[in-house]
Amino acid sequence: MGLQAIFFYLFAFIAVASAFMVISAKNPVHSVLFLILVFFNAAGLFLLTGAEFLAMILLVVYIGAVAVLFLFVVMMLDIDFAELRSGVLQYAPIGMLVGLIVAAELVVVIGGSVLTPEAAKAITMPIPNPASRTNTAALGDVLYTNYVYFFQIAGLVLLVAMIGAIVLTLRHRTNIKRQDVSKQVARTPATAVEVVKVKPGQGV
């Protein structure tokens, strides 16, 4: 067994064990930490396959943004997780149905690759030689040449989704003091400062 195979089984075992701990841990903060560990091991698996761009995206986007956001939301919001878990059994049939569909898709994909190994040769874009062209550079060439319009449309969709989330969660409250920049800029020393003459021995 080579060194690459040892690291593959190590990353795979830790990733599967951490994924199990994500759904079995009682503390939600521990679940998020186990999820971060899953992302780290998945990034290691991507590195073993030569997909260094996907590994960095997994580290920067999911660990640096999504997982940390989950952690802050779990720690800052007062969520009654016991109440949420009380009705989890009623969604068990739907969860089993989704699990069976995912398992069937995996069987179709794995069985198709085993039965028809020539399907991998039908890729429209040739895989570059790692010695002459890196995976990241080749992926950038494909995204910004053949799929540049789809890439821009995806960015616009994400922008609209972000603006929509901000608009839906924005709430104006009447009993909260808000900053009025124009009123603050228009202040003068006569209106901002009050000089009070206090006699000796007396308070204000």
Protein backbone atom coordinates (compact mmCIF):
# COMPACT_ATOMS: atom_id res chain seq x y z
CA MET A 1 0.00 0.00 0.00
CA GLY A 2 1.45 3.31 -1.09
CA LEU A 3 1.59 6.55 0.84
CA GLN A 4 -1.23 8.08 -1.24
CA ALA A 5 -3.54 5.15 -0.43
CA ILE A 6 -2.77 5.48 3.29
CA PHE A 7 -3.69 9.17 3.27
CA PHE A 8 -6.83 8.43 1.24
CA TYR A 9 -8.14 5.91 3.76
CA LEU A 10 -7.13 8.20 6.64
CA PHE A 11 -8.97 11.23 5.22
CA ALA A 12 -11.96 9.11 4.20
CA PHE A 13 -12.29 7.44 7.62
CA ILE A 14 -12.05 10.75 9.52
CA ALA A 15 -14.52 12.41 7.12
CA VAL A 16 -17.12 9.64 7.51
CA ALA A 17 -16.68 9.53 11.31
CA SER A 18 -16.96 13.32 11.56
CA ALA A 19 -20.07 13.33 9.34
CA PHE A 20 -21.67 10.80 11.69
CA MET A 21 -20.78 12.98 14.68
CA VAL A 22 -22.39 16.01 12.99
CA ILE A 23 -25.82 14.37 13.17
CA SER A 24 -25.30 12.54 16.47
CA ALA A 25 -23.72 15.24 18.64
CA LYS A 26 -26.11 16.72 21.21
CA ASN A 27 -24.39 20.10 21.35
CA PRO A 28 -25.00 22.09 18.13
CA VAL A 29 -21.67 23.90 18.50
CA HIS A 30 -19.89 20.54 18.50
CA SER A 31 -21.84 19.59 15.37
CA VAL A 32 -20.55 22.67 13.56
CA LEU A 33 -16.98 21.91 14.66
CA PHE A 34 -17.30 18.35 13.38
CA LEU A 35 -18.67 19.78 10.12
CA ILE A 36 -15.53 21.91 9.79
CA LEU A 37 -13.45 18.75 10.31
CA VAL A 38 -15.41 17.06 7.51
CA PHE A 39 -14.59 19.96 5.19
CA PHE A 40 -10.89 19.74 6.03
CA ASN A 41 -10.73 16.03 5.24
CA ALA A 42 -12.76 16.47 2.06
CA ALA A 43 -10.25 19.12 0.97
CA GLY A 44 -7.47 16.60 1.61
CA LEU A 45 -9.26 14.08 -0.61
CA PHE A 46 -9.55 16.70 -3.37
CA LEU A 47 -5.82 17.36 -3.10
CA LEU A 48 -5.08 13.65 -3.52
CA THR A 49 -7.07 13.60 -6.77
CA GLY A 50 -5.26 16.66 -8.15
CA ALA A 51 -8.18 19.08 -7.81
CA GLU A 52 -6.36 21.73 -5.79
CA PHE A 53 -8.80 24.46 -6.86
CA LEU A 54 -11.79 22.61 -5.37
CA ALA A 55 -9.79 21.99 -2.19
CA MET A 56 -9.04 25.69 -1.75
CA ILE A 57 -12.64 26.65 -2.53
CA LEU A 58 -13.79 24.17 0.11
CA LEU A 59 -11.44 25.68 2.68
CA VAL A 60 -12.02 29.35 1.85
CA VAL A 61 -15.77 29.34 1.15
CA TYR A 62 -17.21 26.60 3.32
CA ILE A 63 -14.87 26.73 6.31
CA GLY A 64 -14.04 30.41 6.14
CA ALA A 65 -17.59 31.63 5.55
CA VAL A 66 -20.40 29.11 5.75
CA ALA A 67 -19.23 27.04 8.73
CA VAL A 68 -18.18 30.12 10.71
CA LEU A 69 -21.56 31.71 9.92
CA PHE A 70 -23.32 28.59 11.19
CA LEU A 71 -21.23 28.72 14.34
CA PHE A 72 -22.07 32.36 15.03
CA VAL A 73 -25.76 31.80 14.33
CA VAL A 74 -25.88 28.81 16.67
CA MET A 75 -24.01 30.66 19.43
CA MET A 76 -25.80 34.01 19.14
CA LEU A 77 -29.40 32.95 18.58
CA ASP A 78 -31.44 31.57 21.45
CA ILE A 79 -32.74 28.45 19.73
CA ASP A 80 -34.54 25.72 21.62
CA PHE A 81 -32.95 22.68 19.96
CA ALA A 82 -34.83 20.27 22.21
CA GLU A 83 -38.10 21.55 20.79
CA LEU A 84 -36.78 21.28 17.25
CA ARG A 85 -35.71 17.67 17.77
CA SER A 86 -39.00 16.68 19.36
CA GLY A 87 -40.76 16.48 15.99
CA VAL A 88 -37.94 14.92 14.00
CA LEU A 89 -39.63 11.51 13.80
CA GLN A 90 -42.50 12.84 11.73
CA TYR A 91 -40.01 13.69 8.95
CA ALA A 92 -38.40 10.23 9.03
CA PRO A 93 -40.37 8.85 6.04
CA ILE A 94 -39.40 11.83 3.88
CA GLY A 95 -35.78 11.48 4.99
CA MET A 96 -35.78 7.79 4.13
CA LEU A 97 -37.25 8.55 0.70
CA VAL A 98 -34.57 11.16 -0.01
CA GLY A 99 -31.89 8.73 1.21
CA LEU A 100 -33.15 6.01 -1.12
CA ILE A 101 -33.14 8.41 -4.07
CA VAL A 102 -29.56 9.47 -3.33
CA ALA A 103 -28.51 5.83 -2.91
CA ALA A 104 -30.14 4.93 -6.25
CA GLU A 105 -28.30 7.81 -7.96
CA LEU A 106 -24.99 6.61 -6.51
CA VAL A 107 -25.67 3.07 -7.72
CA VAL A 108 -26.49 4.35 -11.21
CA VAL A 109 -23.34 6.50 -11.38
CA ILE A 110 -20.99 3.86 -9.97
CA GLY A 111 -22.62 1.05 -11.98
CA GLY A 112 -22.47 3.11 -15.16
CA SER A 113 -18.76 3.80 -14.71
CA VAL A 114 -18.11 0.09 -14.10
CA LEU A 115 -20.28 -1.24 -16.94
CA THR A 116 -19.28 1.41 -19.50
CA PRO A 117 -15.76 2.63 -18.69
CA GLU A 118 -15.52 4.33 -22.09
CA ALA A 119 -18.04 6.96 -20.89
CA ALA A 120 -15.18 8.87 -19.23
CA LYS A 121 -13.54 9.27 -22.63
CA ALA A 122 -16.56 11.16 -23.98
CA ILE A 123 -15.64 14.34 -22.07
CA THR A 124 -15.94 17.36 -24.36
CA MET A 125 -13.10 19.25 -22.70
CA PRO A 126 -9.77 17.38 -22.65
CA ILE A 127 -8.07 17.07 -19.28
CA PRO A 128 -4.77 19.02 -19.41
CA ASN A 129 -1.42 17.56 -18.54
CA PRO A 130 -0.57 18.56 -14.93
CA ALA A 131 3.04 19.10 -15.92
CA SER A 132 2.15 21.76 -18.51
CA ARG A 133 -1.10 23.24 -17.17
CA THR A 134 -2.41 23.35 -13.63
CA ASN A 135 -5.95 22.36 -12.75
CA THR A 136 -6.82 25.88 -11.59
CA ALA A 137 -5.59 27.51 -14.79
CA ALA A 138 -7.44 24.99 -16.98
CA LEU A 139 -10.65 25.53 -15.03
CA GLY A 140 -10.28 29.30 -15.39
CA ASP A 141 -9.81 28.93 -19.15
CA VAL A 142 -13.03 26.96 -19.44
CA LEU A 143 -15.07 29.27 -17.19
CA TYR A 144 -13.95 32.54 -18.76
CA THR A 145 -14.10 31.42 -22.39
CA ASN A 146 -16.81 28.87 -23.15
CA TYR A 147 -19.00 29.49 -20.09
CA VAL A 148 -18.36 33.16 -19.34
CA TYR A 149 -22.02 34.19 -19.81
CA PHE A 150 -23.29 31.40 -17.58
CA PHE A 151 -20.68 32.39 -15.00
CA GLN A 152 -21.88 36.00 -15.05
CA ILE A 153 -25.53 34.92 -14.83
CA ALA A 154 -24.72 32.77 -11.80
CA GLY A 155 -23.09 35.80 -10.16
CA LEU A 156 -26.18 37.94 -10.85
CA VAL A 157 -28.46 35.25 -9.40
CA LEU A 158 -26.37 35.15 -6.22
CA LEU A 159 -26.42 38.97 -6.02
CA VAL A 160 -30.22 39.04 -6.35
CA ALA A 161 -30.51 36.31 -3.70
CA MET A 162 -28.29 38.29 -1.33
CA ILE A 163 -30.30 41.50 -1.83
CA GLY A 164 -33.55 39.57 -1.38
CA ALA A 165 -32.35 38.05 1.89
CA ILE A 166 -31.39 41.49 3.19
CA VAL A 167 -34.74 42.99 2.19
CA LEU A 168 -36.74 40.14 3.74
CA THR A 169 -34.90 40.28 7.07
CA LEU A 170 -34.76 44.08 7.35
CA ARG A 171 -37.17 45.33 9.98
CA HIS A 172 -37.76 48.98 10.90
CA ARG A 173 -38.56 49.47 14.58
CA THR A 174 -40.08 52.68 15.87
CA ASN A 175 -38.79 52.55 19.45
CA ILE A 176 -35.08 52.44 18.55
CA LYS A 177 -32.82 55.46 18.35
CA ARG A 178 -31.36 55.78 14.86
CA GLN A 179 -28.54 57.85 13.50
CA ASP A 180 -29.50 60.86 11.37
CA VAL A 181 -26.35 61.85 9.49
CA SER A 182 -27.79 65.01 7.91
CA LYS A 183 -28.96 66.34 11.28
CA GLN A 184 -25.57 65.60 12.82
CA VAL A 185 -23.69 67.36 10.03
CA ALA A 186 -25.97 70.41 10.27
CA ARG A 187 -25.22 70.94 13.96
CA THR A 188 -23.51 74.16 15.01
CA PRO A 189 -21.60 74.99 18.20
CA ALA A 190 -24.58 77.04 19.38
CA THR A 191 -26.89 74.03 19.23
CA ALA A 192 -24.36 71.39 20.22
CA VAL A 193 -22.72 73.01 23.24
CA GLU A 194 -24.47 74.40 26.27
CA VAL A 195 -22.47 76.50 28.70
CA VAL A 196 -23.73 76.31 32.26
CA LYS A 197 -22.42 78.66 34.92
CA VAL A 198 -22.28 76.95 38.27
CA LYS A 199 -21.89 78.98 41.42
CA PRO A 200 -19.26 77.90 43.93
CA GLY A 201 -20.54 75.27 46.34
CA GLN A 202 -23.54 74.33 44.19
CA GLY A 203 -24.15 71.43 41.88
CA VAL A 204 -25.51 71.46 38.38
